[in-house]
C-alpha atoms as a PDB file:
ATOM      1  CA  MET A   1     -31.046  -0.180  24.214  1.00  0.00           C
ATOM      2  CA  TYR A   2     -33.667  -1.769  26.434  1.00  0.00           C
ATOM      3  CA  VAL A   3     -35.693  -2.451  23.319  1.00  0.00           C
ATOM      4  CA  LEU A   4     -32.896  -4.573  21.894  1.00  0.00           C
ATOM      5  CA  GLU A   5     -32.781  -6.629  25.100  1.00  0.00           C
ATOM      6  CA  THR A   6     -36.522  -7.182  24.851  1.00  0.00           C
ATOM      7  CA  ILE A   7     -36.402  -8.140  21.177  1.00  0.00           C
ATOM      8  CA  PHE A   8     -33.548 -10.586  21.673  1.00  0.00           C
ATOM      9  CA  HIS A   9     -34.735 -12.283  24.832  1.00  0.00           C
ATOM     10  CA  ASP A  10     -32.911 -15.572  24.090  1.00  0.00           C
ATOM     11  CA  LYS A  11     -29.638 -15.245  25.999  1.00  0.00           C
ATOM     12  CA  ASN A  12     -28.267 -18.625  24.851  1.00  0.00           C
ATOM     13  CA  SER A  13     -27.753 -17.770  21.179  1.00  0.00           C
ATOM     14  CA  PRO A  14     -26.531 -14.491  19.705  1.00  0.00           C
ATOM     15  CA  PRO A  15     -28.855 -12.740  17.239  1.00  0.00           C
ATOM     16  CA  SER A  16     -28.103 -13.002  13.563  1.00  0.00           C
ATOM     17  CA  GLU A  17     -27.109 -10.037  11.411  1.00  0.00           C
ATOM     18  CA  PHE A  18     -30.563  -9.914   9.793  1.00  0.00           C
ATOM     19  CA  GLN A  19     -32.275  -9.850  13.186  1.00  0.00           C
ATOM     20  CA  CYS A  20     -30.098  -6.931  14.308  1.00  0.00           C
ATOM     21  CA  ILE A  21     -30.743  -4.963  11.124  1.00  0.00           C
ATOM     22  CA  GLY A  22     -34.476  -5.644  11.375  1.00  0.00           C
ATOM     23  CA  ALA A  23     -34.656  -4.590  15.014  1.00  0.00           C
ATOM     24  CA  ILE A  24     -32.723  -1.377  14.474  1.00  0.00           C
ATOM     25  CA  SER A  25     -34.810  -0.643  11.373  1.00  0.00           C
ATOM     26  CA  LEU A  26     -38.004  -1.014  13.419  1.00  0.00           C
ATOM     27  CA  ILE A  27     -36.671   1.337  16.079  1.00  0.00           C
ATOM     28  CA  ILE A  28     -35.621   3.991  13.551  1.00  0.00           C
ATOM     29  CA  TRP A  29     -38.881   3.827  11.590  1.00  0.00           C
ATOM     30  CA  SER A  30     -40.993   4.022  14.736  1.00  0.00           C
ATOM     31  CA  LEU A  31     -39.080   7.139  15.811  1.00  0.00           C
ATOM     32  CA  ILE A  32     -39.524   8.702  12.374  1.00  0.00           C
ATOM     33  CA  LEU A  33     -43.254   7.973  12.357  1.00  0.00           C
ATOM     34  CA  VAL A  34     -43.802   9.314  15.879  1.00  0.00           C
ATOM     35  CA  VAL A  35     -41.964  12.551  15.098  1.00  0.00           C
ATOM     36  CA  SER A  36     -43.807  12.960  11.777  1.00  0.00           C
ATOM     37  CA  ILE A  37     -47.214  12.412  13.350  1.00  0.00           C
ATOM     38  CA  LYS A  38     -46.453  14.852  16.155  1.00  0.00           C
ATOM     39  CA  TYR A  39     -45.293  17.403  13.582  1.00  0.00           C
ATOM     40  CA  CYS A  40     -48.521  17.001  11.605  1.00  0.00           C
ATOM     41  CA  ILE A  41     -50.680  17.318  14.707  1.00  0.00           C
ATOM     42  CA  PHE A  42     -49.008  20.249  16.440  1.00  0.00           C
ATOM     43  CA  ILE A  43     -47.196  22.331  13.841  1.00  0.00           C
ATOM     44  CA  LEU A  44     -49.489  21.983  10.837  1.00  0.00           C
ATOM     45  CA  LYS A  45     -52.673  22.394  12.893  1.00  0.00           C
ATOM     46  CA  ALA A  46     -51.481  25.729  14.275  1.00  0.00           C
ATOM     47  CA  ASP A  47     -53.545  28.251  12.353  1.00  0.00           C
ATOM     48  CA  ASN A  48     -52.890  31.951  12.697  1.00  0.00           C
ATOM     49  CA  ASN A  49     -55.433  33.649  10.420  1.00  0.00           C
ATOM     50  CA  GLY A  50     -54.710  31.349   7.503  1.00  0.00           C
ATOM     51  CA  GLU A  51     -50.966  31.137   8.120  1.00  0.00           C
ATOM     52  CA  GLY A  52     -49.306  27.953   9.238  1.00  0.00           C
ATOM     53  CA  GLY A  53     -45.935  26.572  10.184  1.00  0.00           C
ATOM     54  CA  THR A  54     -43.267  27.528  12.649  1.00  0.00           C
ATOM     55  CA  PHE A  55     -43.878  31.272  12.738  1.00  0.00           C
ATOM     56  CA  ALA A  56     -47.642  30.821  13.106  1.00  0.00           C
ATOM     57  CA  LEU A  57     -47.054  28.573  16.113  1.00  0.00           C
ATOM     58  CA  CYS A  58     -44.629  31.155  17.501  1.00  0.00           C
ATOM     59  CA  ALA A  59     -47.180  33.936  17.028  1.00  0.00           C
ATOM     60  CA  LEU A  60     -49.888  31.917  18.774  1.00  0.00           C
ATOM     61  CA  LEU A  61     -47.643  31.087  21.723  1.00  0.00           C
ATOM     62  CA  THR A  62     -46.270  34.594  22.232  1.00  0.00           C
ATOM     63  CA  GLN A  63     -49.406  36.694  21.813  1.00  0.00           C
ATOM     64  CA  LYS A  64     -50.504  38.973  24.669  1.00  0.00           C
ATOM     65  CA  SER A  65     -53.314  36.675  25.782  1.00  0.00           C
ATOM     66  CA  SER A  66     -50.879  33.776  26.204  1.00  0.00           C
ATOM     67  CA  GLN A  67     -50.299  32.596  29.753  1.00  0.00           C
ATOM     68  CA  LEU A  68     -46.615  31.832  29.189  1.00  0.00           C
ATOM     69  CA  SER A  69     -43.960  33.717  31.120  1.00  0.00           C
ATOM     70  CA  ASN A  70     -41.742  36.239  29.351  1.00  0.00           C
ATOM     71  CA  ARG A  71     -38.761  33.913  29.682  1.00  0.00           C
ATOM     72  CA  THR A  72     -40.664  31.065  27.991  1.00  0.00           C
ATOM     73  CA  LYS A  73     -41.804  33.413  25.235  1.00  0.00           C
ATOM     74  CA  THR A  74     -38.166  34.355  24.652  1.00  0.00           C
ATOM     75  CA  TYR A  75     -37.244  30.669  24.316  1.00  0.00           C
ATOM     76  CA  VAL A  76     -40.121  30.159  21.871  1.00  0.00           C
ATOM     77  CA  ASN A  77     -38.945  33.116  19.770  1.00  0.00           C
ATOM     78  CA  ILE A  78     -35.338  31.905  19.715  1.00  0.00           C
ATOM     79  CA  SER A  79     -36.322  28.347  18.780  1.00  0.00           C
ATOM     80  CA  SER A  80     -38.601  29.654  16.000  1.00  0.00           C
ATOM     81  CA  ILE A  81     -35.820  31.754  14.530  1.00  0.00           C
ATOM     82  CA  LEU A  82     -33.443  28.796  14.782  1.00  0.00           C
ATOM     83  CA  ALA A  83     -35.957  26.499  13.052  1.00  0.00           C
ATOM     84  CA  ALA A  84     -36.495  28.997  10.238  1.00  0.00           C
ATOM     85  CA  SER A  85     -32.740  29.490   9.776  1.00  0.00           C
ATOM     86  CA  LEU A  86     -32.186  25.745   9.553  1.00  0.00           C
ATOM     87  CA  LEU A  87     -34.924  25.487   6.948  1.00  0.00           C
ATOM     88  CA  ILE A  88     -33.562  28.396   4.912  1.00  0.00           C
ATOM     89  CA  GLY A  89     -30.004  27.104   5.227  1.00  0.00           C
ATOM     90  CA  ARG A  90     -31.060  23.693   3.972  1.00  0.00           C
ATOM     91  CA  GLU A  91     -32.863  25.151   0.983  1.00  0.00           C
ATOM     92  CA  THR A  92     -30.050  27.515  -0.006  1.00  0.00           C
ATOM     93  CA  LYS A  93     -27.561  24.657   0.190  1.00  0.00           C
ATOM     94  CA  TYR A  94     -29.188  23.120  -2.863  1.00  0.00           C
ATOM     95  CA  LEU A  95     -29.141  26.405  -4.763  1.00  0.00           C
ATOM     96  CA  PHE A  96     -25.364  26.700  -4.703  1.00  0.00           C
ATOM     97  CA  VAL A  97     -24.397  23.096  -5.350  1.00  0.00           C
END
């Protein structure tokens, strides 16, 4: 919300509808681009002997030589399983429609 205050710095006149839509569109697209770029850098660059994706990142983070605590490794495993289930659930949704 601080971004909207910065974009519309003129306190004397209210912003028009087009200015509001443009500002919110810029915010949404910048969030989408940042998340997409981070996904490409971290998830797709994780290489586990030719495998990639969520489970490869999980395998790299939870291997024996990892310096993460057992509790953190458990959280990584749970989040990987959750990510895979969301992906599978999304794909099977389109099979039964």
